[in-house]
Amino acid sequence: MAINMTEAAINHVARYLEKRGHGKGIRVGVRTSGCSGMAYVLEFIDEIESDDQVFEFGPVHVAIDPKSLVYLDGTELDFVKEGLNEGFKFNNPNVRSECGCGESFNV
């Protein structure tokens, strides 16, 4: 099982960690939420948990808990700018449907 990050996402996280002055990387996961059933969770982390699966992309570590990894396998994490908006985009091949607002998904 694996995930991938685009250069844009790696560069964004690396710049943020550099500005922050500390941190290991990001934790990516899923939780039950929204109208379609699941939502992505992303947070900057200072420590890696013992049961995390860790993926390294240069200076950036991505930690994923074992339960979330099942739903994220094959996902590409991108950072996109669209007009005045910018943010992380999950290109997840496991998604079967998404809600209209794009905040939650179903596998």
Protein backbone atom coordinates (compact mmCIF):
# COMPACT_ATOMS: atom_id res chain seq x y z
CA MET A 1 0.00 0.00 0.00
CA ALA A 2 1.27 3.43 -0.86
CA ILE A 3 0.42 7.05 -1.52
CA ASN A 4 2.19 9.68 -3.61
CA MET A 5 2.69 13.46 -3.51
CA THR A 6 3.13 15.88 -6.38
CA GLU A 7 6.07 18.27 -6.41
CA ALA A 8 3.64 21.13 -5.68
CA ALA A 9 2.41 19.38 -2.52
CA ILE A 10 5.93 18.47 -1.37
CA ASN A 11 7.13 22.04 -1.89
CA HIS A 12 4.13 23.53 -0.06
CA VAL A 13 4.54 21.30 2.99
CA ALA A 14 8.35 21.79 3.06
CA ARG A 15 7.94 25.61 2.94
CA TYR A 16 5.34 25.52 5.72
CA LEU A 17 7.54 23.32 7.93
CA GLU A 18 10.49 25.63 7.32
CA LYS A 19 8.44 28.70 8.32
CA ARG A 20 7.10 26.84 11.34
CA GLY A 21 10.63 26.02 12.45
CA HIS A 22 9.88 22.45 13.53
CA GLY A 23 7.83 19.40 12.61
CA LYS A 24 8.19 16.04 10.91
CA GLY A 25 5.59 16.42 8.18
CA ILE A 26 1.89 15.77 7.85
CA ARG A 27 -0.61 13.17 9.02
CA VAL A 28 -3.23 12.20 6.48
CA GLY A 29 -6.29 10.20 7.40
CA VAL A 30 -10.00 9.71 6.95
CA ARG A 31 -12.87 10.01 9.41
CA THR A 32 -16.58 9.34 9.28
CA SER A 33 -18.27 12.59 8.34
CA GLY A 34 -20.32 14.45 5.78
CA CYS A 35 -23.19 13.42 3.58
CA SER A 36 -21.22 10.79 1.63
CA GLY A 37 -19.71 9.00 4.62
CA MET A 38 -16.01 9.90 4.91
CA ALA A 39 -13.87 13.03 4.92
CA TYR A 40 -10.13 13.61 4.64
CA VAL A 41 -8.15 14.83 7.63
CA LEU A 42 -4.77 16.52 7.25
CA GLU A 43 -2.63 18.01 10.00
CA PHE A 44 0.98 19.03 10.51
CA ILE A 45 2.79 16.82 13.03
CA ASP A 46 5.80 17.00 15.30
CA GLU A 47 5.99 13.29 16.12
CA ILE A 48 5.32 10.03 14.30
CA GLU A 49 3.09 7.50 16.12
CA SER A 50 4.45 3.96 16.55
CA ASP A 51 1.72 2.34 14.43
CA ASP A 52 1.87 4.90 11.58
CA GLN A 53 2.86 3.90 8.07
CA VAL A 54 5.36 6.56 6.99
CA PHE A 55 6.11 7.66 3.44
CA GLU A 56 9.06 9.97 2.75
CA PHE A 57 9.15 12.54 -0.02
CA GLY A 58 12.47 14.35 0.34
CA PRO A 59 12.23 16.42 3.51
CA VAL A 60 8.52 15.68 3.97
CA HIS A 61 7.21 12.71 5.96
CA VAL A 62 3.59 11.60 5.48
CA ALA A 63 2.19 9.54 8.35
CA ILE A 64 -0.99 7.48 7.92
CA ASP A 65 -2.69 5.35 10.54
CA PRO A 66 -3.36 1.72 9.49
CA LYS A 67 -7.17 2.12 9.37
CA SER A 68 -6.98 5.13 7.04
CA LEU A 69 -4.37 3.59 4.76
CA VAL A 70 -6.92 1.08 3.45
CA TYR A 71 -9.01 3.98 2.08
CA LEU A 72 -6.03 6.04 0.90
CA ASP A 73 -4.05 3.35 -0.94
CA GLY A 74 -3.03 4.69 -4.36
CA THR A 75 -3.97 8.29 -3.52
CA GLU A 76 -1.99 11.18 -4.93
CA LEU A 77 -1.86 14.29 -2.74
CA ASP A 78 -1.60 17.49 -4.76
CA PHE A 79 -1.55 21.18 -3.88
CA VAL A 80 -3.48 23.31 -6.35
CA LYS A 81 -4.20 26.98 -6.92
CA GLU A 82 -7.44 27.80 -8.70
CA GLY A 83 -8.04 31.52 -9.00
CA LEU A 84 -7.93 32.98 -5.49
CA ASN A 85 -8.35 29.56 -3.86
CA GLU A 86 -5.58 27.16 -2.99
CA GLY A 87 -5.45 23.92 -1.08
CA PHE A 88 -4.72 20.23 -1.01
CA LYS A 89 -6.46 17.98 -3.51
CA PHE A 90 -6.80 14.22 -3.00
CA ASN A 91 -6.74 12.19 -6.21
CA ASN A 92 -8.04 8.95 -4.71
CA PRO A 93 -8.70 6.02 -7.09
CA ASN A 94 -10.82 4.28 -4.42
CA VAL A 95 -13.57 6.94 -4.37
CA ARG A 96 -16.84 5.73 -5.85
CA SER A 97 -18.87 8.89 -5.20
CA GLU A 98 -18.51 12.35 -3.68
CA CYS A 99 -21.01 14.74 -2.20
CA GLY A 100 -21.98 17.83 -4.16
CA CYS A 101 -19.86 20.17 -2.06
CA GLY A 102 -16.78 17.95 -2.41
CA GLU A 103 -16.16 17.68 1.34
CA SER A 104 -16.91 13.98 1.74
CA PHE A 105 -16.68 10.77 -0.26
CA ASN A 106 -17.70 7.12 -0.34
CA VAL A 107 -15.59 4.07 -1.25
